[in-house]
Amino acid sequence: MEGHNLDIFQILLDSSIVVKLDLLLLILASVLSWTIIFQKRSLFNKTEKANSEFKNFFSGVASLEEAYHDAQTIEDSPLKKLFLSGYRELKKTEIALGEDYGLIKEHYSSIANQSMERALSNEAVEVDQQMSNGLTTLASIGSITPFVGLFGTVWGIIDSFSGLASGGATLETVAPGIAEALVATAVGLVAAIPATWYFNKFGQRRNKLKEQLHIFGNQFINEVERYISSKS
């Protein structure tokens, strides 16, 4: 420290063990937060690109059979997984009913359509679980770290003013302790703000993906109904 200037680094080195542990916890939380952020950004970017490619592919095929065979060359995506799950459910029904499409059409109008919807729904839930991994941790970091930082601040201020109250310290000597305490709040906010912002951002992208899956699921069911009608 020189004159009345505060050397933040030196202040942190001289801080109490409680404040040091508090800051270490906040730094670890921030590192974990940014690790999740980079992983989720990469996953969402890759998923959205793959979904876009599959949508373009599916809109250009002439039949469900062609889509199924050619889909093997397309990069994996949630929409592709949804399509394959639905198509395999269709084939199971065809095999079970001996490819009697009159019977299949009647069956779909009563029971099988529900089976198809369940198959698509199960796949959509699995995709959503994959995309939501880590988001709860981000939310927890965003909501808890400000209070962890506040705890360090309160502890540091109490420690500083206890010395002032005993008469063995002046405001000038107490100032570094107050500064170290406020640093804890600042670090808590630095950890919390990105975590909260990206949690909301990823939540929006997740909801958009869920809407895409729902829309494509309805589109696929319509294609199945047209397919069965053309065969019967």
C-alpha atoms as a PDB file:
ATOM      1  CA  MET A   1       0.000   0.000   0.000  1.00  0.00           C
ATOM      2  CA  GLU A   2       1.354   3.484  -0.876  1.00  0.00           C
ATOM      3  CA  GLY A   3      -0.029   6.645   0.760  1.00  0.00           C
ATOM      4  CA  HIS A   4      -3.790   6.414   0.860  1.00  0.00           C
ATOM      5  CA  ASN A   5      -4.034   4.263  -2.272  1.00  0.00           C
ATOM      6  CA  LEU A   6      -5.518   0.822  -1.764  1.00  0.00           C
ATOM      7  CA  ASP A   7      -3.712  -2.125  -3.338  1.00  0.00           C
ATOM      8  CA  ILE A   8      -6.593  -4.544  -3.929  1.00  0.00           C
ATOM      9  CA  PHE A   9      -4.297  -7.522  -4.425  1.00  0.00           C
ATOM     10  CA  GLN A  10      -2.462  -6.830  -1.175  1.00  0.00           C
ATOM     11  CA  ILE A  11      -5.758  -6.273   0.604  1.00  0.00           C
ATOM     12  CA  LEU A  12      -6.940  -9.711  -0.485  1.00  0.00           C
ATOM     13  CA  LEU A  13      -3.677 -11.292   0.646  1.00  0.00           C
ATOM     14  CA  ASP A  14      -4.105  -9.664   4.058  1.00  0.00           C
ATOM     15  CA  SER A  15      -7.802 -10.536   4.352  1.00  0.00           C
ATOM     16  CA  SER A  16      -9.153 -12.900   6.988  1.00  0.00           C
ATOM     17  CA  ILE A  17      -9.362 -16.633   6.338  1.00  0.00           C
ATOM     18  CA  VAL A  18     -13.170 -16.432   6.214  1.00  0.00           C
ATOM     19  CA  VAL A  19     -13.113 -13.790   3.471  1.00  0.00           C
ATOM     20  CA  LYS A  20     -10.436 -15.748   1.576  1.00  0.00           C
ATOM     21  CA  LEU A  21     -12.582 -18.890   1.674  1.00  0.00           C
ATOM     22  CA  ASP A  22     -15.617 -16.861   0.639  1.00  0.00           C
ATOM     23  CA  LEU A  23     -13.755 -15.444  -2.371  1.00  0.00           C
ATOM     24  CA  LEU A  24     -12.377 -18.876  -3.289  1.00  0.00           C
ATOM     25  CA  LEU A  25     -15.901 -20.297  -3.295  1.00  0.00           C
ATOM     26  CA  LEU A  26     -17.094 -17.458  -5.528  1.00  0.00           C
ATOM     27  CA  ILE A  27     -14.197 -17.925  -7.951  1.00  0.00           C
ATOM     28  CA  LEU A  28     -14.878 -21.669  -8.190  1.00  0.00           C
ATOM     29  CA  ALA A  29     -18.566 -20.947  -8.803  1.00  0.00           C
ATOM     30  CA  SER A  30     -17.633 -18.506 -11.560  1.00  0.00           C
ATOM     31  CA  VAL A  31     -15.298 -21.032 -13.214  1.00  0.00           C
ATOM     32  CA  LEU A  32     -18.035 -23.686 -13.084  1.00  0.00           C
ATOM     33  CA  SER A  33     -20.533 -21.199 -14.481  1.00  0.00           C
ATOM     34  CA  TRP A  34     -18.360 -20.272 -17.462  1.00  0.00           C
ATOM     35  CA  THR A  35     -17.572 -23.936 -18.129  1.00  0.00           C
ATOM     36  CA  ILE A  36     -21.297 -24.686 -18.373  1.00  0.00           C
ATOM     37  CA  ILE A  37     -21.895 -21.555 -20.458  1.00  0.00           C
ATOM     38  CA  PHE A  38     -19.311 -22.497 -23.095  1.00  0.00           C
ATOM     39  CA  GLN A  39     -20.542 -26.105 -23.216  1.00  0.00           C
ATOM     40  CA  LYS A  40     -24.200 -25.107 -23.575  1.00  0.00           C
ATOM     41  CA  ARG A  41     -23.445 -22.455 -26.196  1.00  0.00           C
ATOM     42  CA  SER A  42     -21.595 -25.040 -28.264  1.00  0.00           C
ATOM     43  CA  LEU A  43     -24.405 -27.585 -27.840  1.00  0.00           C
ATOM     44  CA  PHE A  44     -27.191 -25.142 -28.745  1.00  0.00           C
ATOM     45  CA  ASN A  45     -25.282 -23.805 -31.767  1.00  0.00           C
ATOM     46  CA  LYS A  46     -24.603 -27.326 -33.037  1.00  0.00           C
ATOM     47  CA  THR A  47     -28.185 -28.452 -32.385  1.00  0.00           C
ATOM     48  CA  GLU A  48     -29.791 -25.461 -34.095  1.00  0.00           C
ATOM     49  CA  LYS A  49     -27.546 -25.854 -37.140  1.00  0.00           C
ATOM     50  CA  ALA A  50     -28.282 -29.593 -37.389  1.00  0.00           C
ATOM     51  CA  ASN A  51     -32.033 -28.992 -37.000  1.00  0.00           C
ATOM     52  CA  SER A  52     -31.966 -26.413 -39.783  1.00  0.00           C
ATOM     53  CA  GLU A  53     -30.163 -28.852 -42.089  1.00  0.00           C
ATOM     54  CA  PHE A  54     -32.672 -31.617 -41.340  1.00  0.00           C
ATOM     55  CA  LYS A  55     -35.654 -29.317 -41.939  1.00  0.00           C
ATOM     56  CA  ASN A  56     -34.260 -28.412 -45.354  1.00  0.00           C
ATOM     57  CA  PHE A  57     -33.599 -32.088 -46.074  1.00  0.00           C
ATOM     58  CA  PHE A  58     -37.056 -33.261 -44.980  1.00  0.00           C
ATOM     59  CA  SER A  59     -38.859 -30.615 -47.015  1.00  0.00           C
ATOM     60  CA  GLY A  60     -37.109 -31.883 -50.153  1.00  0.00           C
ATOM     61  CA  VAL A  61     -37.848 -35.625 -49.936  1.00  0.00           C
ATOM     62  CA  ALA A  62     -40.663 -37.253 -51.864  1.00  0.00           C
ATOM     63  CA  SER A  63     -41.722 -39.891 -49.328  1.00  0.00           C
ATOM     64  CA  LEU A  64     -41.231 -41.118 -45.785  1.00  0.00           C
ATOM     65  CA  GLU A  65     -39.291 -44.145 -47.065  1.00  0.00           C
ATOM     66  CA  GLU A  66     -36.894 -41.899 -48.948  1.00  0.00           C
ATOM     67  CA  ALA A  67     -36.520 -39.685 -45.900  1.00  0.00           C
ATOM     68  CA  TYR A  68     -35.734 -42.683 -43.691  1.00  0.00           C
ATOM     69  CA  HIS A  69     -33.077 -44.128 -45.993  1.00  0.00           C
ATOM     70  CA  ASP A  70     -31.430 -40.807 -46.835  1.00  0.00           C
ATOM     71  CA  ALA A  71     -31.535 -39.563 -43.238  1.00  0.00           C
ATOM     72  CA  GLN A  72     -28.628 -41.867 -42.423  1.00  0.00           C
ATOM     73  CA  THR A  73     -26.338 -39.444 -44.274  1.00  0.00           C
ATOM     74  CA  ILE A  74     -27.613 -36.395 -42.364  1.00  0.00           C
ATOM     75  CA  GLU A  75     -25.962 -35.190 -39.155  1.00  0.00           C
ATOM     76  CA  ASP A  76     -27.785 -36.230 -35.994  1.00  0.00           C
ATOM     77  CA  SER A  77     -30.234 -33.669 -34.657  1.00  0.00           C
ATOM     78  CA  PRO A  78     -33.273 -33.620 -32.360  1.00  0.00           C
ATOM     79  CA  LEU A  79     -35.583 -33.412 -35.394  1.00  0.00           C
ATOM     80  CA  LYS A  80     -33.863 -36.390 -36.997  1.00  0.00           C
ATOM     81  CA  LYS A  81     -34.212 -38.396 -33.772  1.00  0.00           C
ATOM     82  CA  LEU A  82     -37.884 -37.443 -33.595  1.00  0.00           C
ATOM     83  CA  PHE A  83     -38.430 -38.524 -37.199  1.00  0.00           C
ATOM     84  CA  LEU A  84     -36.624 -41.856 -36.777  1.00  0.00           C
ATOM     85  CA  SER A  85     -38.560 -42.615 -33.595  1.00  0.00           C
ATOM     86  CA  GLY A  86     -41.880 -41.894 -35.303  1.00  0.00           C
ATOM     87  CA  TYR A  87     -40.986 -43.799 -38.469  1.00  0.00           C
ATOM     88  CA  ARG A  88     -39.955 -46.894 -36.507  1.00  0.00           C
ATOM     89  CA  GLU A  89     -43.243 -46.746 -34.610  1.00  0.00           C
ATOM     90  CA  LEU A  90     -45.044 -46.662 -37.975  1.00  0.00           C
ATOM     91  CA  LYS A  91     -43.122 -49.708 -39.196  1.00  0.00           C
ATOM     92  CA  LYS A  92     -43.917 -51.618 -35.999  1.00  0.00           C
ATOM     93  CA  THR A  93     -47.607 -50.994 -36.638  1.00  0.00           C
ATOM     94  CA  GLU A  94     -47.298 -52.112 -40.273  1.00  0.00           C
ATOM     95  CA  ILE A  95     -45.586 -55.349 -39.243  1.00  0.00           C
ATOM     96  CA  ALA A  96     -48.083 -56.027 -36.458  1.00  0.00           C
ATOM     97  CA  LEU A  97     -51.055 -55.598 -38.822  1.00  0.00           C
ATOM     98  CA  GLY A  98     -49.515 -57.404 -41.789  1.00  0.00           C
ATOM     99  CA  GLU A  99     -49.375 -54.264 -43.947  1.00  0.00           C
ATOM    100  CA  ASP A 100     -53.170 -54.311 -44.295  1.00  0.00           C
ATOM    101  CA  TYR A 101     -53.467 -50.559 -44.827  1.00  0.00           C
ATOM    102  CA  GLY A 102     -57.231 -50.528 -44.573  1.00  0.00           C
ATOM    103  CA  LEU A 103     -56.867 -52.026 -41.117  1.00  0.00           C
ATOM    104  CA  ILE A 104     -53.888 -49.784 -40.352  1.00  0.00           C
ATOM    105  CA  LYS A 105     -55.920 -46.702 -41.282  1.00  0.00           C
ATOM    106  CA  GLU A 106     -58.753 -47.807 -39.020  1.00  0.00           C
ATOM    107  CA  HIS A 107     -56.262 -48.654 -36.288  1.00  0.00           C
ATOM    108  CA  TYR A 108     -54.616 -45.238 -36.520  1.00  0.00           C
ATOM    109  CA  SER A 109     -57.910 -43.439 -36.274  1.00  0.00           C
ATOM    110  CA  SER A 110     -58.573 -45.116 -32.932  1.00  0.00           C
ATOM    111  CA  ILE A 111     -55.435 -46.336 -31.152  1.00  0.00           C
ATOM    112  CA  ALA A 112     -52.195 -46.178 -33.101  1.00  0.00           C
ATOM    113  CA  ASN A 113     -52.201 -42.410 -33.471  1.00  0.00           C
ATOM    114  CA  GLN A 114     -51.921 -42.181 -29.697  1.00  0.00           C
ATOM    115  CA  SER A 115     -48.972 -44.602 -29.778  1.00  0.00           C
ATOM    116  CA  MET A 116     -47.307 -42.427 -32.396  1.00  0.00           C
ATOM    117  CA  GLU A 117     -47.852 -39.302 -30.309  1.00  0.00           C
ATOM    118  CA  ARG A 118     -46.396 -41.035 -27.237  1.00  0.00           C
ATOM    119  CA  ALA A 119     -43.318 -42.149 -29.195  1.00  0.00           C
ATOM    120  CA  LEU A 120     -42.756 -38.617 -30.464  1.00  0.00           C
ATOM    121  CA  SER A 121     -43.426 -37.130 -27.036  1.00  0.00           C
ATOM    122  CA  ASN A 122     -40.965 -39.491 -25.331  1.00  0.00           C
ATOM    123  CA  GLU A 123     -38.249 -38.567 -27.811  1.00  0.00           C
ATOM    124  CA  ALA A 124     -38.977 -34.860 -27.352  1.00  0.00           C
ATOM    125  CA  VAL A 125     -38.733 -35.204 -23.559  1.00  0.00           C
ATOM    126  CA  GLU A 126     -35.383 -36.979 -23.886  1.00  0.00           C
ATOM    127  CA  VAL A 127     -34.055 -34.191 -26.105  1.00  0.00           C
ATOM    128  CA  ASP A 128     -35.332 -31.530 -23.706  1.00  0.00           C
ATOM    129  CA  GLN A 129     -33.625 -33.223 -20.763  1.00  0.00           C
ATOM    130  CA  GLN A 130     -30.342 -33.212 -22.657  1.00  0.00           C
ATOM    131  CA  MET A 131     -30.658 -29.524 -23.504  1.00  0.00           C
ATOM    132  CA  SER A 132     -31.625 -28.576 -19.938  1.00  0.00           C
ATOM    133  CA  ASN A 133     -28.635 -30.277 -18.285  1.00  0.00           C
ATOM    134  CA  GLY A 134     -26.596 -27.693 -16.421  1.00  0.00           C
ATOM    135  CA  LEU A 135     -29.227 -24.960 -16.505  1.00  0.00           C
ATOM    136  CA  THR A 136     -30.291 -25.622 -12.918  1.00  0.00           C
ATOM    137  CA  THR A 137     -26.670 -25.186 -11.837  1.00  0.00           C
ATOM    138  CA  LEU A 138     -26.492 -21.857 -13.671  1.00  0.00           C
ATOM    139  CA  ALA A 139     -29.693 -20.719 -11.982  1.00  0.00           C
ATOM    140  CA  SER A 140     -28.332 -21.741  -8.577  1.00  0.00           C
ATOM    141  CA  ILE A 141     -25.057 -19.886  -9.147  1.00  0.00           C
ATOM    142  CA  GLY A 142     -26.940 -16.804 -10.306  1.00  0.00           C
ATOM    143  CA  SER A 143     -29.190 -16.753  -7.260  1.00  0.00           C
ATOM    144  CA  ILE A 144     -26.784 -17.870  -4.517  1.00  0.00           C
ATOM    145  CA  THR A 145     -23.457 -16.168  -5.278  1.00  0.00           C
ATOM    146  CA  PRO A 146     -24.674 -12.607  -4.484  1.00  0.00           C
ATOM    147  CA  PHE A 147     -25.569 -13.811  -0.990  1.00  0.00           C
ATOM    148  CA  VAL A 148     -22.248 -15.623  -0.626  1.00  0.00           C
ATOM    149  CA  GLY A 149     -20.537 -12.364  -1.582  1.00  0.00           C
ATOM    150  CA  LEU A 150     -22.743 -10.452   0.843  1.00  0.00           C
ATOM    151  CA  PHE A 151     -21.762 -12.853   3.615  1.00  0.00           C
ATOM    152  CA  GLY A 152     -18.089 -12.092   2.956  1.00  0.00           C
ATOM    153  CA  THR A 153     -18.859  -8.382   2.994  1.00  0.00           C
ATOM    154  CA  VAL A 154     -20.768  -8.503   6.271  1.00  0.00           C
ATOM    155  CA  TRP A 155     -18.085 -10.627   7.884  1.00  0.00           C
ATOM    156  CA  GLY A 156     -15.325  -8.277   6.723  1.00  0.00           C
ATOM    157  CA  ILE A 157     -17.165  -5.165   7.911  1.00  0.00           C
ATOM    158  CA  ILE A 158     -17.892  -6.691  11.324  1.00  0.00           C
ATOM    159  CA  ASP A 159     -14.245  -7.690  11.628  1.00  0.00           C
ATOM    160  CA  SER A 160     -13.102  -4.183  10.664  1.00  0.00           C
ATOM    161  CA  PHE A 161     -15.443  -2.299  12.983  1.00  0.00           C
ATOM    162  CA  SER A 162     -14.705  -4.589  15.907  1.00  0.00           C
ATOM    163  CA  GLY A 163     -11.133  -3.300  15.741  1.00  0.00           C
ATOM    164  CA  LEU A 164     -12.368   0.298  15.514  1.00  0.00           C
ATOM    165  CA  ALA A 165     -14.693  -0.158  18.483  1.00  0.00           C
ATOM    166  CA  SER A 166     -11.884  -1.494  20.658  1.00  0.00           C
ATOM    167  CA  GLY A 167     -10.041   1.800  20.240  1.00  0.00           C
ATOM    168  CA  GLY A 168      -6.986   0.146  18.769  1.00  0.00           C
ATOM    169  CA  ALA A 169      -7.643   1.230  15.196  1.00  0.00           C
ATOM    170  CA  THR A 170      -8.370   4.353  13.186  1.00  0.00           C
ATOM    171  CA  LEU A 171     -10.615   4.797  10.177  1.00  0.00           C
ATOM    172  CA  GLU A 172      -7.498   4.816   7.994  1.00  0.00           C
ATOM    173  CA  THR A 173      -6.387   1.419   9.241  1.00  0.00           C
ATOM    174  CA  VAL A 174      -9.914   0.025   9.058  1.00  0.00           C
ATOM    175  CA  ALA A 175     -10.432   1.155   5.441  1.00  0.00           C
ATOM    176  CA  PRO A 176      -8.533  -1.791   3.900  1.00  0.00           C
ATOM    177  CA  GLY A 177     -10.741  -4.213   5.815  1.00  0.00           C
ATOM    178  CA  ILE A 178     -13.863  -2.495   4.510  1.00  0.00           C
ATOM    179  CA  ALA A 179     -12.410  -2.587   1.007  1.00  0.00           C
ATOM    180  CA  GLU A 180     -11.755  -6.333   1.220  1.00  0.00           C
ATOM    181  CA  ALA A 181     -15.308  -6.814   2.421  1.00  0.00           C
ATOM    182  CA  LEU A 182     -16.742  -4.893  -0.540  1.00  0.00           C
ATOM    183  CA  VAL A 183     -14.575  -6.890  -2.942  1.00  0.00           C
ATOM    184  CA  ALA A 184     -16.501  -9.993  -1.845  1.00  0.00           C
ATOM    185  CA  THR A 185     -19.775  -8.401  -2.966  1.00  0.00           C
ATOM    186  CA  ALA A 186     -18.224  -7.356  -6.272  1.00  0.00           C
ATOM    187  CA  VAL A 187     -16.910 -10.867  -6.955  1.00  0.00           C
ATOM    188  CA  GLY A 188     -20.317 -12.301  -6.052  1.00  0.00           C
ATOM    189  CA  LEU A 189     -21.978 -10.067  -8.641  1.00  0.00           C
ATOM    190  CA  VAL A 190     -19.331 -10.913 -11.246  1.00  0.00           C
ATOM    191  CA  ALA A 191     -20.167 -14.589 -10.730  1.00  0.00           C
ATOM    192  CA  ALA A 192     -23.938 -14.080 -10.629  1.00  0.00           C
ATOM    193  CA  ILE A 193     -24.615 -11.728 -13.545  1.00  0.00           C
ATOM    194  CA  PRO A 194     -23.280 -13.915 -16.410  1.00  0.00           C
ATOM    195  CA  ALA A 195     -24.862 -17.037 -14.889  1.00  0.00           C
ATOM    196  CA  THR A 196     -28.279 -15.374 -14.657  1.00  0.00           C
ATOM    197  CA  TRP A 197     -28.081 -13.796 -18.124  1.00  0.00           C
ATOM    198  CA  TYR A 198     -27.075 -17.021 -19.844  1.00  0.00           C
ATOM    199  CA  PHE A 199     -29.629 -19.040 -17.879  1.00  0.00           C
ATOM    200  CA  ASN A 200     -32.373 -16.826 -19.312  1.00  0.00           C
ATOM    201  CA  LYS A 201     -30.799 -16.872 -22.779  1.00  0.00           C
ATOM    202  CA  PHE A 202     -30.481 -20.661 -22.849  1.00  0.00           C
ATOM    203  CA  GLY A 203     -34.018 -20.953 -21.495  1.00  0.00           C
ATOM    204  CA  GLN A 204     -35.299 -18.986 -24.487  1.00  0.00           C
ATOM    205  CA  ARG A 205     -33.347 -21.160 -26.924  1.00  0.00           C
ATOM    206  CA  ARG A 206     -34.599 -24.293 -25.174  1.00  0.00           C
ATOM    207  CA  ASN A 207     -38.220 -23.138 -25.470  1.00  0.00           C
ATOM    208  CA  LYS A 208     -37.682 -22.392 -29.156  1.00  0.00           C
ATOM    209  CA  LEU A 209     -36.333 -25.910 -29.655  1.00  0.00           C
ATOM    210  CA  LYS A 210     -39.342 -27.405 -27.854  1.00  0.00           C
ATOM    211  CA  GLU A 211     -41.634 -25.473 -30.193  1.00  0.00           C
ATOM    212  CA  GLN A 212     -39.721 -26.805 -33.218  1.00  0.00           C
ATOM    213  CA  LEU A 213     -40.092 -30.370 -31.957  1.00  0.00           C
ATOM    214  CA  HIS A 214     -43.815 -29.889 -31.348  1.00  0.00           C
ATOM    215  CA  ILE A 215     -44.388 -28.396 -34.802  1.00  0.00           C
ATOM    216  CA  PHE A 216     -42.344 -31.092 -36.531  1.00  0.00           C
ATOM    217  CA  GLY A 217     -44.142 -33.814 -34.557  1.00  0.00           C
ATOM    218  CA  ASN A 218     -47.502 -32.569 -35.847  1.00  0.00           C
ATOM    219  CA  GLN A 219     -46.079 -32.301 -39.358  1.00  0.00           C
ATOM    220  CA  PHE A 220     -44.800 -35.868 -39.184  1.00  0.00           C
ATOM    221  CA  ILE A 221     -48.175 -37.205 -37.996  1.00  0.00           C
ATOM    222  CA  ASN A 222     -49.812 -35.455 -40.959  1.00  0.00           C
ATOM    223  CA  GLU A 223     -47.286 -37.105 -43.282  1.00  0.00           C
ATOM    224  CA  VAL A 224     -48.040 -40.506 -41.738  1.00  0.00           C
ATOM    225  CA  GLU A 225     -51.771 -40.016 -42.255  1.00  0.00           C
ATOM    226  CA  ARG A 226     -51.194 -39.100 -45.903  1.00  0.00           C
ATOM    227  CA  TYR A 227     -48.884 -42.084 -46.298  1.00  0.00           C
ATOM    228  CA  ILE A 228     -51.487 -44.501 -44.908  1.00  0.00           C
ATOM    229  CA  SER A 229     -54.264 -42.957 -47.026  1.00  0.00           C
ATOM    230  CA  SER A 230     -52.173 -43.363 -50.180  1.00  0.00           C
ATOM    231  CA  LYS A 231     -51.601 -47.048 -49.394  1.00  0.00           C
ATOM    232  CA  SER A 232     -55.173 -47.943 -48.481  1.00  0.00           C
END
